[in-house]
Amino acid sequence: MRLVIARCSVDYAGRLTAHLPSAPRLILVKADGSVSIHADDRAYKPLNWMSPPCTLKEGDGESESVWTVVNKAGEKLIITMEEILHDSSHELGVDPGLIKDGVEAHLQELLADRIETLGEGYTLIRREYPTAIGPVDILCRDADGGTVAVEIKRRGEIDGVEQLTRYLELLNRDPHLAPVKGVFAAQEIKPQARVLATDRGIGCVVLDYDALRGIEDDKLRLF
């Protein structure tokens, strides 16, 4: 991971445009190719970002102080550096992944045992399918034999959709699995997460914990 603290301005050009005026900011460049711009507030949320896969070019032919980040859709994040205050790189290695709480882990186990809940003809490949950036909760096949990656959360938010997006990018590089579809499953899915998932072609499933345990059987809905 590369950490850069700089006085900079940022312009985004894509389906819409956005401008961040000059100010000191933290720029994170991660090994997965993502670039995010942070202020000293907003908790973990960046001011602007570019999700992988994307490319970073330092310099625009005229000035080395201009960074251009481009994603596969051709959208651009242009960072104009005025003063670099700190620039360091750190090797974090492979992350062991998030240790899920009891309910989340049990949801994964229950859904794997009742994989047909996702649709008629679904079959399980395996739980905790390994990737270079952590395990996918469930990998399965649909009735047509297509590969489906399922990310399970107790509460479905944008971060979970981003996590599944990264998994799908890696899995779709494997010719034995591709094409791989995604399903985001949670007991509750926030509206913003549902919008982002839909925009990326990811299906959403609302899980009822009691129904999966066999107490009720009519509250799981597939959208």
C-alpha atoms as a PDB file:
ATOM      1  CA  MET A   1       0.000   0.000   0.000  1.00  0.00           C
ATOM      2  CA  ARG A   2       1.229   3.480  -0.874  1.00  0.00           C
ATOM      3  CA  LEU A   3       0.361   6.408   1.407  1.00  0.00           C
ATOM      4  CA  VAL A   4       0.646   9.925   0.020  1.00  0.00           C
ATOM      5  CA  ILE A   5      -0.234  13.073   1.949  1.00  0.00           C
ATOM      6  CA  ALA A   6      -0.367  16.035  -0.396  1.00  0.00           C
ATOM      7  CA  ARG A   7      -1.950  19.394  -0.994  1.00  0.00           C
ATOM      8  CA  CYS A   8      -3.929  18.668  -4.127  1.00  0.00           C
ATOM      9  CA  SER A   9      -7.104  19.231  -6.100  1.00  0.00           C
ATOM     10  CA  VAL A  10      -9.116  16.381  -7.592  1.00  0.00           C
ATOM     11  CA  ASP A  11     -11.391  16.197 -10.629  1.00  0.00           C
ATOM     12  CA  TYR A  12     -13.599  13.258 -11.568  1.00  0.00           C
ATOM     13  CA  ALA A  13     -14.833  12.857 -15.141  1.00  0.00           C
ATOM     14  CA  GLY A  14     -17.270  10.065 -15.969  1.00  0.00           C
ATOM     15  CA  ARG A  15     -21.033   9.666 -15.919  1.00  0.00           C
ATOM     16  CA  LEU A  16     -20.969  12.883 -13.916  1.00  0.00           C
ATOM     17  CA  THR A  17     -18.300  15.393 -12.918  1.00  0.00           C
ATOM     18  CA  ALA A  18     -17.054  16.378  -9.490  1.00  0.00           C
ATOM     19  CA  HIS A  19     -14.367  18.723  -8.210  1.00  0.00           C
ATOM     20  CA  LEU A  20     -12.473  18.815  -4.926  1.00  0.00           C
ATOM     21  CA  PRO A  21     -10.701  22.165  -4.453  1.00  0.00           C
ATOM     22  CA  SER A  22      -7.128  22.391  -3.228  1.00  0.00           C
ATOM     23  CA  ALA A  23      -6.556  21.089   0.320  1.00  0.00           C
ATOM     24  CA  PRO A  24      -4.265  18.695   2.190  1.00  0.00           C
ATOM     25  CA  ARG A  25      -5.499  15.122   1.689  1.00  0.00           C
ATOM     26  CA  LEU A  26      -4.491  11.497   2.123  1.00  0.00           C
ATOM     27  CA  ILE A  27      -4.227   9.409  -1.066  1.00  0.00           C
ATOM     28  CA  LEU A  28      -4.291   5.608  -0.711  1.00  0.00           C
ATOM     29  CA  VAL A  29      -2.994   3.484  -3.600  1.00  0.00           C
ATOM     30  CA  LYS A  30      -3.664  -0.185  -2.870  1.00  0.00           C
ATOM     31  CA  ALA A  31      -2.165  -3.321  -4.368  1.00  0.00           C
ATOM     32  CA  ASP A  32      -5.487  -4.185  -6.018  1.00  0.00           C
ATOM     33  CA  GLY A  33      -5.149  -1.005  -8.128  1.00  0.00           C
ATOM     34  CA  SER A  34      -7.728   1.067  -6.288  1.00  0.00           C
ATOM     35  CA  VAL A  35      -7.073   4.739  -5.518  1.00  0.00           C
ATOM     36  CA  SER A  36      -8.996   6.684  -2.875  1.00  0.00           C
ATOM     37  CA  ILE A  37      -8.857  10.267  -1.620  1.00  0.00           C
ATOM     38  CA  HIS A  38      -9.441  10.951   2.090  1.00  0.00           C
ATOM     39  CA  ALA A  39      -9.922  13.974   4.322  1.00  0.00           C
ATOM     40  CA  ASP A  40      -9.352  14.055   8.075  1.00  0.00           C
ATOM     41  CA  ASP A  41     -13.013  13.265   8.816  1.00  0.00           C
ATOM     42  CA  ARG A  42     -15.850  11.077   7.421  1.00  0.00           C
ATOM     43  CA  ALA A  43     -14.515   8.010   9.283  1.00  0.00           C
ATOM     44  CA  TYR A  44     -13.568   5.384   6.652  1.00  0.00           C
ATOM     45  CA  LYS A  45     -15.407   6.945   3.699  1.00  0.00           C
ATOM     46  CA  PRO A  46     -13.260   8.532   0.966  1.00  0.00           C
ATOM     47  CA  LEU A  47     -14.070  11.859  -0.677  1.00  0.00           C
ATOM     48  CA  ASN A  48     -13.588  10.233  -4.053  1.00  0.00           C
ATOM     49  CA  TRP A  49     -12.207   6.945  -5.306  1.00  0.00           C
ATOM     50  CA  MET A  50     -11.644   4.665  -8.274  1.00  0.00           C
ATOM     51  CA  SER A  51     -12.359   0.981  -7.796  1.00  0.00           C
ATOM     52  CA  PRO A  52     -10.240  -1.721  -9.474  1.00  0.00           C
ATOM     53  CA  PRO A  53      -9.439  -2.600 -12.138  1.00  0.00           C
ATOM     54  CA  CYS A  54      -7.885   0.751 -12.978  1.00  0.00           C
ATOM     55  CA  THR A  55      -4.515   2.196 -13.960  1.00  0.00           C
ATOM     56  CA  LEU A  56      -2.533   5.042 -12.414  1.00  0.00           C
ATOM     57  CA  LYS A  57      -0.288   7.244 -14.526  1.00  0.00           C
ATOM     58  CA  GLU A  58       1.930   9.792 -12.801  1.00  0.00           C
ATOM     59  CA  GLY A  59       2.522  12.703 -15.169  1.00  0.00           C
ATOM     60  CA  ASP A  60       0.514  13.826 -18.196  1.00  0.00           C
ATOM     61  CA  GLY A  61       3.363  14.564 -20.586  1.00  0.00           C
ATOM     62  CA  GLU A  62       3.583  18.171 -19.449  1.00  0.00           C
ATOM     63  CA  SER A  63       3.821  17.898 -15.672  1.00  0.00           C
ATOM     64  CA  GLU A  64       4.809  15.129 -13.270  1.00  0.00           C
ATOM     65  CA  SER A  65       2.475  16.685 -10.698  1.00  0.00           C
ATOM     66  CA  VAL A  66      -0.676  15.400 -12.426  1.00  0.00           C
ATOM     67  CA  TRP A  67      -1.866  11.873 -11.615  1.00  0.00           C
ATOM     68  CA  THR A  68      -4.480  10.295 -13.860  1.00  0.00           C
ATOM     69  CA  VAL A  69      -6.436   7.229 -12.742  1.00  0.00           C
ATOM     70  CA  VAL A  70      -8.547   5.511 -15.428  1.00  0.00           C
ATOM     71  CA  ASN A  71     -10.945   2.582 -14.945  1.00  0.00           C
ATOM     72  CA  LYS A  72     -12.130   0.053 -17.520  1.00  0.00           C
ATOM     73  CA  ALA A  73     -15.164   2.240 -18.339  1.00  0.00           C
ATOM     74  CA  GLY A  74     -12.885   5.137 -19.306  1.00  0.00           C
ATOM     75  CA  GLU A  75     -13.819   7.242 -16.284  1.00  0.00           C
ATOM     76  CA  LYS A  76     -10.984   9.400 -14.961  1.00  0.00           C
ATOM     77  CA  LEU A  77      -9.835  10.662 -11.599  1.00  0.00           C
ATOM     78  CA  ILE A  78      -7.340  13.493 -12.116  1.00  0.00           C
ATOM     79  CA  ILE A  79      -5.244  14.484  -9.098  1.00  0.00           C
ATOM     80  CA  THR A  80      -3.239  17.703  -9.403  1.00  0.00           C
ATOM     81  CA  MET A  81      -0.437  17.737  -6.849  1.00  0.00           C
ATOM     82  CA  GLU A  82       0.687  21.087  -5.470  1.00  0.00           C
ATOM     83  CA  GLU A  83       2.906  19.862  -2.651  1.00  0.00           C
ATOM     84  CA  ILE A  84       3.726  16.335  -1.486  1.00  0.00           C
ATOM     85  CA  LEU A  85       4.150  16.205   2.279  1.00  0.00           C
ATOM     86  CA  HIS A  86       4.633  12.459   2.675  1.00  0.00           C
ATOM     87  CA  ASP A  87       5.087   9.497   0.318  1.00  0.00           C
ATOM     88  CA  SER A  88       5.706   5.964   1.571  1.00  0.00           C
ATOM     89  CA  SER A  89       4.997   2.385   0.509  1.00  0.00           C
ATOM     90  CA  HIS A  90       4.330  -0.578   2.774  1.00  0.00           C
ATOM     91  CA  GLU A  91       4.008  -4.304   2.009  1.00  0.00           C
ATOM     92  CA  LEU A  92       1.014  -5.616   3.948  1.00  0.00           C
ATOM     93  CA  GLY A  93       0.981  -9.146   2.524  1.00  0.00           C
ATOM     94  CA  VAL A  94      -2.080 -11.349   2.096  1.00  0.00           C
ATOM     95  CA  ASP A  95      -4.849 -10.432   4.511  1.00  0.00           C
ATOM     96  CA  PRO A  96      -6.329 -13.366   6.466  1.00  0.00           C
ATOM     97  CA  GLY A  97      -9.807 -11.924   5.948  1.00  0.00           C
ATOM     98  CA  LEU A  98     -12.521 -10.792   8.304  1.00  0.00           C
ATOM     99  CA  ILE A  99     -13.500 -13.162  11.084  1.00  0.00           C
ATOM    100  CA  LYS A 100     -17.272 -13.218  10.942  1.00  0.00           C
ATOM    101  CA  ASP A 101     -19.502 -12.977  13.956  1.00  0.00           C
ATOM    102  CA  GLY A 102     -21.610 -15.951  15.026  1.00  0.00           C
ATOM    103  CA  VAL A 103     -24.761 -14.961  13.158  1.00  0.00           C
ATOM    104  CA  GLU A 104     -22.923 -14.200   9.919  1.00  0.00           C
ATOM    105  CA  ALA A 105     -20.958 -17.448  10.044  1.00  0.00           C
ATOM    106  CA  HIS A 106     -24.133 -19.398  10.819  1.00  0.00           C
ATOM    107  CA  LEU A 107     -25.954 -17.738   7.902  1.00  0.00           C
ATOM    108  CA  GLN A 108     -23.170 -18.949   5.621  1.00  0.00           C
ATOM    109  CA  GLU A 109     -23.446 -22.485   6.975  1.00  0.00           C
ATOM    110  CA  LEU A 110     -27.238 -22.540   6.713  1.00  0.00           C
ATOM    111  CA  LEU A 111     -27.327 -21.139   3.187  1.00  0.00           C
ATOM    112  CA  ALA A 112     -24.680 -23.604   2.031  1.00  0.00           C
ATOM    113  CA  ASP A 113     -26.805 -26.453   3.409  1.00  0.00           C
ATOM    114  CA  ARG A 114     -29.909 -25.006   1.705  1.00  0.00           C
ATOM    115  CA  ILE A 115     -28.290 -23.622  -1.431  1.00  0.00           C
ATOM    116  CA  GLU A 116     -31.466 -24.316  -3.435  1.00  0.00           C
ATOM    117  CA  THR A 117     -32.928 -21.340  -1.543  1.00  0.00           C
ATOM    118  CA  LEU A 118     -31.167 -19.161  -4.134  1.00  0.00           C
ATOM    119  CA  GLY A 119     -33.072 -20.879  -6.906  1.00  0.00           C
ATOM    120  CA  GLU A 120     -34.127 -24.234  -8.238  1.00  0.00           C
ATOM    121  CA  GLY A 121     -31.208 -26.254  -9.543  1.00  0.00           C
ATOM    122  CA  TYR A 122     -28.494 -24.433  -7.554  1.00  0.00           C
ATOM    123  CA  THR A 123     -25.653 -26.662  -6.331  1.00  0.00           C
ATOM    124  CA  LEU A 124     -22.818 -25.936  -3.917  1.00  0.00           C
ATOM    125  CA  ILE A 125     -19.199 -25.943  -5.078  1.00  0.00           C
ATOM    126  CA  ARG A 126     -17.716 -25.040  -1.693  1.00  0.00           C
ATOM    127  CA  ARG A 127     -17.795 -22.625   1.219  1.00  0.00           C
ATOM    128  CA  GLU A 128     -14.902 -20.218   1.844  1.00  0.00           C
ATOM    129  CA  TYR A 129     -13.604 -20.486  -1.733  1.00  0.00           C
ATOM    130  CA  PRO A 130     -10.051 -19.084  -1.613  1.00  0.00           C
ATOM    131  CA  THR A 131      -8.850 -16.099  -3.662  1.00  0.00           C
ATOM    132  CA  ALA A 132      -5.694 -13.998  -3.462  1.00  0.00           C
ATOM    133  CA  ILE A 133      -7.555 -11.329  -1.446  1.00  0.00           C
ATOM    134  CA  GLY A 134      -9.535 -13.586   0.870  1.00  0.00           C
ATOM    135  CA  PRO A 135     -12.175 -16.313   0.717  1.00  0.00           C
ATOM    136  CA  VAL A 136     -15.532 -15.967  -1.025  1.00  0.00           C
ATOM    137  CA  ASP A 137     -18.290 -17.020   1.373  1.00  0.00           C
ATOM    138  CA  ILE A 138     -19.991 -19.440  -1.047  1.00  0.00           C
ATOM    139  CA  LEU A 139     -19.216 -20.520  -4.582  1.00  0.00           C
ATOM    140  CA  CYS A 140     -22.015 -22.420  -6.329  1.00  0.00           C
ATOM    141  CA  ARG A 141     -23.584 -23.173  -9.710  1.00  0.00           C
ATOM    142  CA  ASP A 142     -26.996 -22.148 -10.959  1.00  0.00           C
ATOM    143  CA  ALA A 143     -29.430 -24.363 -12.867  1.00  0.00           C
ATOM    144  CA  ASP A 144     -27.643 -23.545 -16.145  1.00  0.00           C
ATOM    145  CA  GLY A 145     -24.257 -24.562 -14.778  1.00  0.00           C
ATOM    146  CA  GLY A 146     -23.024 -20.995 -14.432  1.00  0.00           C
ATOM    147  CA  THR A 147     -20.712 -20.052 -11.547  1.00  0.00           C
ATOM    148  CA  VAL A 148     -22.151 -17.840  -8.814  1.00  0.00           C
ATOM    149  CA  ALA A 149     -20.190 -16.151  -6.002  1.00  0.00           C
ATOM    150  CA  VAL A 150     -22.197 -15.306  -2.884  1.00  0.00           C
ATOM    151  CA  GLU A 151     -21.109 -12.743  -0.286  1.00  0.00           C
ATOM    152  CA  ILE A 152     -23.037 -12.964   2.990  1.00  0.00           C
ATOM    153  CA  LYS A 153     -23.480 -10.156   5.507  1.00  0.00           C
ATOM    154  CA  ARG A 154     -25.669  -9.643   8.510  1.00  0.00           C
ATOM    155  CA  ARG A 155     -26.183  -6.048   7.384  1.00  0.00           C
ATOM    156  CA  GLY A 156     -25.608  -5.358   3.696  1.00  0.00           C
ATOM    157  CA  GLU A 157     -23.881  -2.058   2.990  1.00  0.00           C
ATOM    158  CA  ILE A 158     -21.825  -0.546   0.181  1.00  0.00           C
ATOM    159  CA  ASP A 159     -18.572  -1.990   1.556  1.00  0.00           C
ATOM    160  CA  GLY A 160     -19.953  -5.510   1.117  1.00  0.00           C
ATOM    161  CA  VAL A 161     -20.829  -4.821  -2.526  1.00  0.00           C
ATOM    162  CA  GLU A 162     -17.329  -3.455  -3.115  1.00  0.00           C
ATOM    163  CA  GLN A 163     -15.849  -6.569  -1.504  1.00  0.00           C
ATOM    164  CA  LEU A 164     -17.896  -8.868  -3.746  1.00  0.00           C
ATOM    165  CA  THR A 165     -16.945  -6.760  -6.789  1.00  0.00           C
ATOM    166  CA  ARG A 166     -13.258  -7.378  -6.048  1.00  0.00           C
ATOM    167  CA  TYR A 167     -13.855 -11.113  -5.685  1.00  0.00           C
ATOM    168  CA  LEU A 168     -15.745 -11.226  -9.002  1.00  0.00           C
ATOM    169  CA  GLU A 169     -12.925  -9.421 -10.775  1.00  0.00           C
ATOM    170  CA  LEU A 170     -10.460 -12.098  -9.649  1.00  0.00           C
ATOM    171  CA  LEU A 171     -12.758 -15.083 -10.199  1.00  0.00           C
ATOM    172  CA  ASN A 172     -13.603 -13.978 -13.726  1.00  0.00           C
ATOM    173  CA  ARG A 173      -9.922 -14.209 -14.620  1.00  0.00           C
ATOM    174  CA  ASP A 174     -10.121 -17.995 -14.124  1.00  0.00           C
ATOM    175  CA  PRO A 175     -11.227 -19.580 -17.417  1.00  0.00           C
ATOM    176  CA  HIS A 176     -12.495 -22.645 -15.522  1.00  0.00           C
ATOM    177  CA  LEU A 177     -14.983 -20.492 -13.606  1.00  0.00           C
ATOM    178  CA  ALA A 178     -15.811 -17.552 -15.876  1.00  0.00           C
ATOM    179  CA  PRO A 179     -18.267 -16.087 -16.363  1.00  0.00           C
ATOM    180  CA  VAL A 180     -18.988 -15.663 -12.647  1.00  0.00           C
ATOM    181  CA  LYS A 181     -22.125 -13.872 -11.441  1.00  0.00           C
ATOM    182  CA  GLY A 182     -22.485 -12.312  -8.017  1.00  0.00           C
ATOM    183  CA  VAL A 183     -25.166 -12.512  -5.336  1.00  0.00           C
ATOM    184  CA  PHE A 184     -25.123 -10.209  -2.306  1.00  0.00           C
ATOM    185  CA  ALA A 185     -27.028 -11.828   0.564  1.00  0.00           C
ATOM    186  CA  ALA A 186     -27.853 -10.230   3.923  1.00  0.00           C
ATOM    187  CA  GLN A 187     -30.521 -10.034   6.573  1.00  0.00           C
ATOM    188  CA  GLU A 188     -30.906  -6.350   5.719  1.00  0.00           C
ATOM    189  CA  ILE A 189     -29.670  -4.574   2.580  1.00  0.00           C
ATOM    190  CA  LYS A 190     -29.320  -0.810   2.636  1.00  0.00           C
ATOM    191  CA  PRO A 191     -30.905   1.052  -0.321  1.00  0.00           C
ATOM    192  CA  GLN A 192     -27.558   2.515  -1.443  1.00  0.00           C
ATOM    193  CA  ALA A 193     -25.977  -0.943  -1.432  1.00  0.00           C
ATOM    194  CA  ARG A 194     -28.862  -2.343  -3.488  1.00  0.00           C
ATOM    195  CA  VAL A 195     -28.516   0.460  -6.055  1.00  0.00           C
ATOM    196  CA  LEU A 196     -24.762  -0.133  -6.381  1.00  0.00           C
ATOM    197  CA  ALA A 197     -25.220  -3.899  -6.647  1.00  0.00           C
ATOM    198  CA  THR A 198     -27.876  -3.522  -9.341  1.00  0.00           C
ATOM    199  CA  ASP A 199     -25.648  -1.115 -11.275  1.00  0.00           C
ATOM    200  CA  ARG A 200     -22.893  -3.751 -11.264  1.00  0.00           C
ATOM    201  CA  GLY A 201     -25.158  -6.622 -12.264  1.00  0.00           C
ATOM    202  CA  ILE A 202     -25.064  -8.226  -8.820  1.00  0.00           C
ATOM    203  CA  GLY A 203     -28.227  -9.892  -7.505  1.00  0.00           C
ATOM    204  CA  CYS A 204     -29.507  -9.171  -3.991  1.00  0.00           C
ATOM    205  CA  VAL A 205     -31.054 -11.674  -1.597  1.00  0.00           C
ATOM    206  CA  VAL A 206     -32.694 -10.793   1.724  1.00  0.00           C
ATOM    207  CA  LEU A 207     -32.149 -13.643   4.188  1.00  0.00           C
ATOM    208  CA  ASP A 208     -34.406 -14.529   7.080  1.00  0.00           C
ATOM    209  CA  TYR A 209     -32.316 -16.179   9.783  1.00  0.00           C
ATOM    210  CA  ASP A 210     -35.266 -17.968  11.372  1.00  0.00           C
ATOM    211  CA  ALA A 211     -36.527 -19.215   8.012  1.00  0.00           C
ATOM    212  CA  LEU A 212     -33.145 -20.706   7.178  1.00  0.00           C
ATOM    213  CA  ARG A 213     -33.141 -22.452  10.550  1.00  0.00           C
ATOM    214  CA  GLY A 214     -36.496 -23.980   9.641  1.00  0.00           C
ATOM    215  CA  ILE A 215     -38.681 -21.915  11.993  1.00  0.00           C
ATOM    216  CA  GLU A 216     -40.372 -20.138   9.067  1.00  0.00           C
ATOM    217  CA  ASP A 217     -40.132 -20.751   5.356  1.00  0.00           C
ATOM    218  CA  ASP A 218     -41.805 -17.824   3.650  1.00  0.00           C
ATOM    219  CA  LYS A 219     -39.658 -14.779   4.321  1.00  0.00           C
ATOM    220  CA  LEU A 220     -36.692 -15.231   2.013  1.00  0.00           C
ATOM    221  CA  ARG A 221     -37.030 -13.042  -1.022  1.00  0.00           C
ATOM    222  CA  LEU A 222     -34.879 -12.979  -4.154  1.00  0.00           C
ATOM    223  CA  PHE A 223     -34.736  -9.680  -6.091  1.00  0.00           C
END
